Amino acid sequence: MSTTANDPAAQKKGGLSDIRKIFGGGQSSLRQFGILGSLIVIIVIFQIWTNGLTLSPTNLINVVNQYSYILILAIGMVMVIIMGHIDLSVGSVAAFTGIIVAKSMAEWNFPWPLAILLGIAVGVAIGAWQGFWVAVIGVPAFIVTLAGMLIFRGGNQFIGQSTTTPVPQEFGIIGAGYLPELALPFNFNVLTMLLGVVGAGWIVWNELHLRRQQKKMGSDSAPVWVSVVKVVVLAGVILWAAWLFATGRPGTSFPISGIILVVLVILYSFITRNTIFGRHIYAVGGNRLAATLSGVKDRRVDFFVMMNMSVLASVAGMIYVARATASGPQDGNGWELDAIAAVFIGGAAVSGGIGTVIGSIVGGLVMAFLNNGLQLIGAGADVVQIIKGLVLLLAVGVDVWSKRQGRPSIVGLWSGRRKARLETQAPDEAPTIAPTSQSNVSSQPEDLTRR
């Protein structure tokens, strides 16, 4: 039974309904539009205020280099927050890994590739330690990671004796390196432009694949003009950004740290959206009891999510040390707050069960361009901190206030029809909260409802 006949809003074609599909289909929320719109507004305001410096190639490269490690932390943090946990140790874990990796190269004569593997192994060990306390012993993640923040900050200072430890120049490629130049007669970086073309091509292929799948399944597709606008806008933005990165000062291009970030975003977006494990994360975060009764091993999910967070913290720490050319006792201070802020600004729910990797990246970019723009206009560190705090408070406040109105997203403020849709929905069409114990089929993140 379809709800279309019972819901006049579902019968309405064109207008806002179609425009919403440009960036995510009918399941997009107004809050997601607001986050993306806020990023665009911030960039435009500072672009005008700084006389074009914000979107200059040099500044964009600096933004990627300076904030890539925070965005990497946000990828792991959104999974932790979806589960209903919080991780306060990521900055200390990054610093602890950084000093071990630096010492391994400076004093133990490890080659830099082996040092990177050592850093990842350290992240796995720390994550397993914290995951054990959360998943097996049952200590709240807030307490476990608060203890971890103290333990690994002290470990960093103990191993490094509160001094800096330099790293070899060749190690710096992962934090301060760029795509190399090719011996071709062009005044731009060819590899960066090729990367942009691949990204634009993927946008086109993904949209065509989506429409084919929708047609095959007999589901409604967005109008053709919506797909065309979506592809043109997104592909155009990617190609324009690639051109800016490719035409920076000689010797620079798209940063290697940005390549690492892009790979991780693609990987974890796929994991959270298209794998059973990713769906279990949303199921446990949305309703732990229902997920457990449906056969989801919630403790196993807790363990691997916490371990994954520490691994990404180790990667972020190594990227930072590579860019700074040394590991020091103050590395990682406040990183956990920036990562948490990025996730909440990016649309994650305080109560868990809601959030996306892409949304967290957008939230992180909001903070990055806000920081960067304020620095470009000469604002003091005190003003920057105040504004960041207000932005975070506003983002979480809007989420909490929206839920008090009985709406899972701000789109209810516009339409006011969600309650009517839920009341007219047939019982046999109610969304599944968690996978059944007899099947690997589980709900998509968008299907989860908060009651």
Protein backbone atom coordinates (compact mmCIF):
# COMPACT_ATOMS: atom_id res chain seq x y z
CA MET A 1 0.00 0.00 0.00
CA SER A 2 1.37 3.39 -0.89
CA THR A 3 1.02 6.53 1.14
CA THR A 4 0.86 8.72 -1.95
CA ALA A 5 -2.89 8.58 -2.19
CA ASN A 6 -3.32 9.45 1.46
CA ASP A 7 -0.83 12.30 1.52
CA PRO A 8 -1.59 15.37 -0.56
CA ALA A 9 1.95 16.57 -0.03
CA ALA A 10 3.28 13.42 -1.63
CA GLN A 11 1.23 14.13 -4.72
CA LYS A 12 2.68 17.58 -5.15
CA LYS A 13 5.19 17.70 -7.98
CA GLY A 14 7.82 20.26 -8.77
CA GLY A 15 8.72 23.28 -6.68
CA LEU A 16 10.43 22.70 -3.35
CA SER A 17 9.96 18.92 -3.59
CA ASP A 18 12.09 18.72 -6.72
CA ILE A 19 14.65 21.29 -5.61
CA ARG A 20 15.31 19.25 -2.46
CA LYS A 21 16.20 16.27 -4.64
CA ILE A 22 19.14 18.14 -6.17
CA PHE A 23 21.19 17.44 -3.04
CA GLY A 24 20.00 14.09 -1.80
CA GLY A 25 16.50 13.30 -2.92
CA GLY A 26 13.33 13.40 -0.89
CA GLN A 27 15.16 12.33 2.26
CA SER A 28 17.22 15.50 2.52
CA SER A 29 16.44 17.70 5.49
CA LEU A 30 16.36 21.46 5.64
CA ARG A 31 19.05 21.30 8.28
CA GLN A 32 21.42 19.70 5.77
CA PHE A 33 20.65 22.51 3.37
CA GLY A 34 21.30 24.97 6.18
CA ILE A 35 24.74 23.54 6.89
CA LEU A 36 25.77 23.61 3.25
CA GLY A 37 24.22 27.05 2.85
CA SER A 38 26.10 28.28 5.91
CA LEU A 39 29.38 27.10 4.40
CA ILE A 40 28.64 28.91 1.15
CA VAL A 41 27.62 32.10 2.97
CA ILE A 42 30.76 32.05 5.13
CA ILE A 43 32.99 31.61 2.10
CA VAL A 44 31.22 34.37 0.15
CA ILE A 45 31.31 36.81 3.07
CA PHE A 46 35.02 36.31 3.71
CA GLN A 47 35.77 36.28 -0.02
CA ILE A 48 34.31 39.79 -0.23
CA TRP A 49 35.72 40.91 3.11
CA THR A 50 39.27 39.81 2.26
CA ASN A 51 39.17 41.11 -1.34
CA GLY A 52 39.36 37.64 -2.86
CA LEU A 53 41.97 36.07 -0.57
CA THR A 54 39.67 33.35 0.77
CA LEU A 55 39.36 31.53 -2.55
CA SER A 56 42.87 32.22 -3.73
CA PRO A 57 44.84 29.06 -4.62
CA THR A 58 47.40 29.68 -1.88
CA ASN A 59 44.77 30.08 0.83
CA LEU A 60 42.80 27.01 -0.25
CA ILE A 61 45.96 24.92 -0.14
CA ASN A 62 46.68 26.27 3.33
CA VAL A 63 43.16 25.39 4.52
CA VAL A 64 43.55 21.79 3.37
CA ASN A 65 47.00 21.49 4.94
CA GLN A 66 45.94 23.09 8.22
CA TYR A 67 42.64 21.29 8.77
CA SER A 68 42.95 17.92 7.05
CA TYR A 69 43.82 16.17 10.31
CA ILE A 70 40.76 17.63 12.05
CA LEU A 71 38.54 16.46 9.20
CA ILE A 72 40.07 12.98 9.46
CA LEU A 73 39.21 12.95 13.17
CA ALA A 74 35.66 14.02 12.30
CA ILE A 75 35.25 10.93 10.09
CA GLY A 76 35.84 8.64 13.06
CA MET A 77 34.07 10.89 15.56
CA VAL A 78 30.79 10.85 13.65
CA MET A 79 30.66 7.05 13.94
CA VAL A 80 31.34 7.30 17.67
CA ILE A 81 28.62 9.91 18.15
CA ILE A 82 26.11 7.98 16.04
CA MET A 83 26.65 5.13 18.50
CA GLY A 84 25.74 7.49 21.33
CA HIS A 85 29.31 7.72 22.66
CA ILE A 86 31.93 10.47 22.79
CA ASP A 87 35.72 10.25 22.50
CA LEU A 88 37.73 12.82 24.43
CA SER A 89 41.09 11.11 23.91
CA VAL A 90 41.67 11.66 20.19
CA GLY A 91 44.02 14.62 20.61
CA SER A 92 46.12 12.82 23.18
CA VAL A 93 46.16 9.62 21.12
CA ALA A 94 47.34 11.62 18.10
CA ALA A 95 50.11 13.23 20.17
CA PHE A 96 51.14 9.90 21.72
CA THR A 97 51.36 8.25 18.30
CA GLY A 98 53.23 11.24 16.93
CA ILE A 99 56.00 11.08 19.51
CA ILE A 100 56.43 7.31 19.10
CA VAL A 101 56.66 7.64 15.32
CA ALA A 102 59.10 10.55 15.61
CA LYS A 103 61.27 8.67 18.10
CA SER A 104 61.24 5.55 15.93
CA MET A 105 62.77 7.49 13.05
CA ALA A 106 65.05 9.85 14.98
CA GLU A 107 66.48 7.41 17.52
CA TRP A 108 65.55 3.88 16.45
CA ASN A 109 66.48 4.38 12.79
CA PHE A 110 63.17 3.14 11.41
CA PRO A 111 62.60 3.95 7.71
CA TRP A 112 59.61 6.26 7.37
CA PRO A 113 57.25 3.69 5.74
CA LEU A 114 57.88 1.30 8.64
CA ALA A 115 57.34 4.17 11.09
CA ILE A 116 53.92 4.81 9.55
CA LEU A 117 52.99 1.15 10.00
CA LEU A 118 54.18 1.39 13.60
CA GLY A 119 51.95 4.43 14.13
CA ILE A 120 48.91 2.59 12.77
CA ALA A 121 49.73 -0.40 15.01
CA VAL A 122 49.87 1.95 18.01
CA GLY A 123 46.43 3.26 17.07
CA VAL A 124 45.06 -0.27 16.83
CA ALA A 125 46.49 -1.17 20.25
CA ILE A 126 45.12 1.96 21.92
CA GLY A 127 41.74 1.48 20.25
CA ALA A 128 41.57 -2.13 21.37
CA TRP A 129 42.42 -1.04 24.93
CA GLN A 130 39.69 1.59 25.04
CA GLY A 131 37.23 -0.61 23.15
CA PHE A 132 37.76 -3.37 25.73
CA TRP A 133 36.76 -1.08 28.59
CA VAL A 134 33.71 0.21 26.73
CA ALA A 135 32.45 -2.98 25.08
CA VAL A 136 33.50 -5.72 27.53
CA ILE A 137 33.67 -4.05 30.95
CA GLY A 138 30.84 -1.62 30.20
CA VAL A 139 32.48 1.59 31.38
CA PRO A 140 30.90 4.61 29.62
CA ALA A 141 33.00 5.83 26.71
CA PHE A 142 33.07 9.34 28.18
CA ILE A 143 34.92 8.05 31.26
CA VAL A 144 37.19 5.67 29.33
CA THR A 145 38.30 8.33 26.88
CA LEU A 146 38.62 10.98 29.59
CA ALA A 147 41.04 8.61 31.31
CA GLY A 148 42.70 7.99 27.94
CA MET A 149 43.11 11.71 27.40
CA LEU A 150 45.10 11.93 30.65
CA ILE A 151 47.03 8.68 30.17
CA PHE A 152 48.19 9.30 26.62
CA ARG A 153 48.92 13.00 27.17
CA GLY A 154 51.14 11.95 30.03
CA GLY A 155 52.61 9.19 27.86
CA ASN A 156 53.51 11.72 25.19
CA GLN A 157 55.33 13.91 27.67
CA PHE A 158 57.02 10.92 29.34
CA ILE A 159 58.36 9.43 26.11
CA GLY A 160 59.32 12.78 24.61
CA GLN A 161 60.52 14.20 27.96
CA SER A 162 58.42 17.30 27.20
CA THR A 163 60.69 18.27 24.31
CA THR A 164 60.27 18.29 20.54
CA THR A 165 61.57 15.46 18.37
CA PRO A 166 62.26 16.24 14.69
CA VAL A 167 61.28 13.90 11.86
CA PRO A 168 63.12 13.25 8.57
CA GLN A 169 62.31 15.43 5.59
CA GLU A 170 61.06 12.50 3.49
CA PHE A 171 58.42 11.74 6.13
CA GLY A 172 56.99 15.21 5.59
CA ILE A 173 55.41 14.21 2.28
CA ILE A 174 52.26 12.91 3.99
CA GLY A 175 51.67 16.24 5.75
CA ALA A 176 53.29 18.86 3.55
CA GLY A 177 53.71 17.18 0.16
CA TYR A 178 51.85 17.86 -3.09
CA LEU A 179 50.94 16.00 -6.23
CA PRO A 180 54.08 16.08 -8.39
CA GLU A 181 54.49 18.05 -11.60
CA LEU A 182 54.64 16.21 -14.92
CA ALA A 183 57.06 17.21 -17.68
CA LEU A 184 54.30 18.64 -19.87
CA PRO A 185 54.03 22.13 -21.44
CA PHE A 186 51.11 23.34 -19.28
CA ASN A 187 50.95 26.16 -16.77
CA PHE A 188 48.94 24.08 -14.29
CA ASN A 189 49.41 20.85 -12.37
CA VAL A 190 48.19 18.10 -14.67
CA LEU A 191 47.63 15.47 -11.97
CA THR A 192 45.45 17.84 -9.95
CA MET A 193 43.29 18.58 -12.98
CA LEU A 194 43.08 14.86 -13.78
CA LEU A 195 41.90 14.28 -10.22
CA GLY A 196 39.22 16.92 -10.76
CA VAL A 197 38.12 15.33 -14.04
CA VAL A 198 37.86 11.93 -12.36
CA GLY A 199 35.77 13.46 -9.58
CA ALA A 200 33.44 15.18 -12.06
CA GLY A 201 33.17 11.96 -14.07
CA TRP A 202 32.22 10.05 -10.96
CA ILE A 203 29.43 12.56 -10.26
CA VAL A 204 28.01 11.94 -13.74
CA TRP A 205 28.34 8.15 -13.48
CA ASN A 206 26.83 8.05 -10.00
CA GLU A 207 23.77 10.02 -11.09
CA LEU A 208 23.23 7.83 -14.16
CA HIS A 209 23.67 4.69 -12.04
CA LEU A 210 21.20 6.00 -9.47
CA ARG A 211 18.55 6.67 -12.12
CA ARG A 212 19.07 3.22 -13.67
CA GLN A 213 18.66 1.58 -10.26
CA GLN A 214 15.54 3.59 -9.51
CA LYS A 215 14.05 2.63 -12.88
CA LYS A 216 14.93 -1.02 -12.36
CA MET A 217 13.31 -1.08 -8.92
CA GLY A 218 10.27 0.84 -10.13
CA SER A 219 10.77 3.67 -7.67
CA ASP A 220 10.16 7.34 -8.38
CA SER A 221 13.04 9.27 -9.92
CA ALA A 222 13.71 12.97 -9.77
CA PRO A 223 12.88 14.89 -12.94
CA VAL A 224 15.60 14.90 -15.56
CA TRP A 225 16.20 18.61 -15.08
CA VAL A 226 16.95 18.01 -11.41
CA SER A 227 19.62 15.43 -12.30
CA VAL A 228 21.11 17.76 -14.91
CA VAL A 229 21.30 20.69 -12.50
CA LYS A 230 22.76 18.46 -9.78
CA VAL A 231 25.46 17.08 -12.08
CA VAL A 232 26.34 20.45 -13.59
CA VAL A 233 26.60 22.19 -10.22
CA LEU A 234 28.60 19.49 -8.42
CA ALA A 235 30.88 18.70 -11.37
CA GLY A 236 31.41 22.40 -11.97
CA VAL A 237 32.41 23.01 -8.35
CA ILE A 238 34.85 20.08 -8.43
CA LEU A 239 36.49 21.22 -11.68
CA TRP A 240 36.69 24.83 -10.49
CA ALA A 241 38.27 23.78 -7.19
CA ALA A 242 40.71 21.52 -9.06
CA TRP A 243 41.70 24.46 -11.26
CA LEU A 244 42.36 26.66 -8.23
CA PHE A 245 44.54 23.99 -6.64
CA ALA A 246 46.32 23.31 -9.92
CA THR A 247 47.21 26.96 -10.56
CA GLY A 248 48.76 27.85 -7.22
CA ARG A 249 52.29 29.08 -6.75
CA PRO A 250 54.98 26.95 -8.42
CA GLY A 251 55.79 23.77 -6.54
CA THR A 252 52.33 23.43 -5.01
CA SER A 253 49.18 21.59 -6.07
CA PHE A 254 46.58 19.50 -4.30
CA PRO A 255 48.14 18.41 -0.96
CA ILE A 256 48.92 14.76 -0.23
CA SER A 257 47.10 15.15 3.09
CA GLY A 258 44.04 16.13 1.03
CA ILE A 259 44.42 12.95 -1.04
CA ILE A 260 44.48 10.90 2.17
CA LEU A 261 41.38 12.75 3.39
CA VAL A 262 39.47 12.19 0.14
CA VAL A 263 40.29 8.46 0.16
CA LEU A 264 39.11 8.13 3.76
CA VAL A 265 35.89 10.05 3.06
CA ILE A 266 35.06 7.76 0.13
CA LEU A 267 35.94 4.64 2.11
CA TYR A 268 33.99 5.51 5.23
CA SER A 269 31.01 6.88 3.31
CA PHE A 270 30.79 3.49 1.63
CA ILE A 271 31.19 1.63 4.91
CA THR A 272 28.51 3.60 6.74
CA ARG A 273 26.01 3.60 3.87
CA ASN A 274 26.54 0.32 2.04
CA THR A 275 27.77 -2.32 4.47
CA ILE A 276 26.09 -4.39 7.15
CA PHE A 277 28.52 -3.08 9.76
CA GLY A 278 27.67 0.51 8.87
CA ARG A 279 23.95 -0.19 9.14
CA HIS A 280 24.51 -1.83 12.50
CA ILE A 281 26.16 1.37 13.73
CA TYR A 282 22.99 3.32 12.93
CA ALA A 283 20.78 0.57 14.32
CA VAL A 284 22.56 0.44 17.68
CA GLY A 285 22.77 4.21 17.90
CA GLY A 286 19.10 4.59 17.00
CA ASN A 287 17.75 1.95 19.40
CA ARG A 288 20.25 -0.29 21.12
CA LEU A 289 17.68 -2.60 22.69
CA ALA A 290 15.78 -3.15 19.45
CA ALA A 291 19.02 -3.73 17.56
CA THR A 292 20.22 -6.26 20.15
CA LEU A 293 16.91 -8.13 20.10
CA SER A 294 17.19 -8.25 16.30
CA GLY A 295 20.52 -10.05 16.50
CA VAL A 296 23.00 -7.17 16.26
CA LYS A 297 26.08 -7.76 18.42
CA ASP A 298 26.16 -4.29 19.92
CA ARG A 299 29.29 -4.89 22.01
CA ARG A 300 31.23 -5.90 18.93
CA VAL A 301 30.08 -2.74 17.17
CA ASP A 302 31.12 -0.66 20.20
CA PHE A 303 34.57 -2.26 20.19
CA PHE A 304 35.34 -1.71 16.53
CA VAL A 305 33.97 1.84 16.45
CA MET A 306 36.20 2.84 19.38
CA MET A 307 39.20 1.08 17.86
CA ASN A 308 38.59 2.72 14.50
CA MET A 309 38.53 6.14 16.14
CA SER A 310 41.98 5.62 17.66
CA VAL A 311 43.39 4.41 14.34
CA LEU A 312 42.16 7.57 12.60
CA ALA A 313 43.53 9.65 15.47
CA SER A 314 46.92 8.04 14.88
CA VAL A 315 46.73 8.86 11.16
CA ALA A 316 45.82 12.46 11.99
CA GLY A 317 48.69 12.69 14.46
CA MET A 318 51.22 11.45 11.90
CA ILE A 319 49.97 13.91 9.28
CA TYR A 320 50.31 16.77 11.74
CA VAL A 321 53.81 15.77 12.81
CA ALA A 322 54.85 15.41 9.17
CA ARG A 323 53.63 18.93 8.41
CA ALA A 324 55.17 20.42 11.56
CA THR A 325 58.45 18.49 10.93
CA ALA A 326 58.58 17.60 14.64
CA SER A 327 56.55 16.09 17.46
CA GLY A 328 56.05 18.19 20.57
CA PRO A 329 54.36 18.05 23.99
CA GLN A 330 51.55 20.44 22.95
CA ASP A 331 50.47 18.47 19.88
CA GLY A 332 46.80 17.56 19.78
CA ASN A 333 45.58 20.05 22.38
CA GLY A 334 41.91 20.79 21.76
CA TRP A 335 41.62 18.56 18.68
CA GLU A 336 38.84 16.51 20.23
CA LEU A 337 36.74 19.65 20.67
CA ASP A 338 37.19 20.69 17.04
CA ALA A 339 36.28 17.19 15.82
CA ILE A 340 33.20 17.01 18.03
CA ALA A 341 32.11 20.48 16.92
CA ALA A 342 32.51 19.49 13.25
CA VAL A 343 30.28 16.43 13.76
CA PHE A 344 27.50 18.29 15.56
CA ILE A 345 27.55 21.22 13.16
CA GLY A 346 27.45 18.65 10.36
CA GLY A 347 24.05 17.38 11.48
CA ALA A 348 24.71 14.58 13.98
CA ALA A 349 22.17 14.19 16.77
CA VAL A 350 23.15 14.61 20.40
CA SER A 351 21.19 11.47 21.31
CA GLY A 352 22.90 9.35 18.64
CA GLY A 353 21.58 7.42 15.67
CA ILE A 354 21.85 10.30 13.19
CA GLY A 355 24.81 11.67 11.26
CA THR A 356 26.80 11.22 8.07
CA VAL A 357 30.44 11.32 7.06
CA ILE A 358 29.79 13.93 4.37
CA GLY A 359 27.81 16.07 6.79
CA SER A 360 30.68 15.99 9.28
CA ILE A 361 33.15 17.02 6.58
CA VAL A 362 30.90 19.94 5.65
CA GLY A 363 30.65 20.85 9.35
CA GLY A 364 34.43 20.68 9.62
CA LEU A 365 34.80 22.93 6.58
CA VAL A 366 32.43 25.44 8.18
CA MET A 367 34.76 25.63 11.18
CA ALA A 368 37.86 25.64 8.96
CA PHE A 369 36.74 28.54 6.76
CA LEU A 370 35.38 30.40 9.78
CA ASN A 371 38.76 30.10 11.50
CA ASN A 372 40.63 30.92 8.33
CA GLY A 373 38.47 33.91 7.45
CA LEU A 374 38.73 35.42 10.92
CA GLN A 375 42.51 35.03 10.79
CA LEU A 376 42.66 36.70 7.37
CA ILE A 377 40.82 39.77 8.66
CA GLY A 378 43.09 39.94 11.70
CA ALA A 379 40.64 38.80 14.41
CA GLY A 380 42.25 37.83 17.71
CA ALA A 381 42.31 34.32 19.12
CA ASP A 382 39.76 35.35 21.75
CA VAL A 383 37.22 36.44 19.14
CA VAL A 384 37.80 33.23 17.16
CA GLN A 385 37.09 31.08 20.22
CA ILE A 386 33.95 33.02 21.11
CA ILE A 387 32.50 32.74 17.60
CA LYS A 388 33.33 29.01 17.35
CA GLY A 389 31.58 28.42 20.67
CA LEU A 390 28.49 30.31 19.56
CA VAL A 391 28.33 28.40 16.27
CA LEU A 392 28.54 25.05 18.08
CA LEU A 393 25.94 26.09 20.66
CA LEU A 394 23.57 27.25 17.92
CA ALA A 395 23.97 24.03 15.90
CA VAL A 396 23.26 21.73 18.85
CA GLY A 397 20.56 24.01 20.21
CA VAL A 398 18.68 23.90 16.91
CA ASP A 399 18.88 20.09 16.90
CA VAL A 400 17.58 19.78 20.47
CA TRP A 401 14.82 22.33 19.95
CA SER A 402 13.73 20.59 16.75
CA LYS A 403 13.38 17.25 18.55
CA ARG A 404 11.28 18.87 21.28
CA GLN A 405 8.85 19.80 18.55
CA GLY A 406 8.60 16.10 17.64
CA ARG A 407 10.51 16.46 14.38
CA PRO A 408 13.73 14.58 13.54
CA SER A 409 14.84 17.36 11.20
CA ILE A 410 14.23 21.04 10.62
CA VAL A 411 12.32 20.28 7.45
CA GLY A 412 9.27 19.91 9.70
CA LEU A 413 9.44 23.62 10.39
CA TRP A 414 8.81 24.29 6.72
CA SER A 415 6.28 21.68 5.78
CA GLY A 416 4.52 20.86 9.05
CA ARG A 417 3.29 17.65 7.41
CA ARG A 418 5.53 14.96 8.87
CA LYS A 419 3.12 14.07 11.66
CA ALA A 420 0.31 13.63 9.16
CA ARG A 421 2.52 11.38 7.00
CA LEU A 422 3.37 9.18 9.98
CA GLU A 423 -0.29 8.89 10.97
CA THR A 424 -1.36 7.87 7.46
CA GLN A 425 1.53 5.44 6.93
CA ALA A 426 0.42 1.83 6.62
CA PRO A 427 1.61 -0.50 9.40
CA ASP A 428 3.23 -2.86 6.92
CA GLU A 429 5.30 0.00 5.56
CA ALA A 430 6.77 1.06 8.89
CA PRO A 431 10.54 1.48 8.61
CA THR A 432 12.72 -1.23 10.08
CA ILE A 433 14.90 -0.21 13.01
CA ALA A 434 17.42 -3.00 12.86
CA PRO A 435 18.25 -6.10 10.82
CA THR A 436 16.65 -9.40 11.70
CA SER A 437 18.62 -12.23 13.19
CA GLN A 438 17.77 -14.50 10.25
CA SER A 439 18.99 -12.14 7.56
CA ASN A 440 21.83 -9.83 6.79
CA VAL A 441 19.36 -7.30 5.41
CA SER A 442 19.30 -4.19 7.57
CA SER A 443 17.89 -0.71 7.45
CA GLN A 444 19.48 2.22 5.66
CA PRO A 445 20.48 5.13 7.91
CA GLU A 446 17.66 7.22 6.52
CA ASP A 447 15.09 4.60 7.56
CA LEU A 448 15.84 4.89 11.25
CA THR A 449 13.27 6.81 13.25
CA ARG A 450 13.68 8.42 16.63
CA ARG A 451 10.73 7.89 18.90
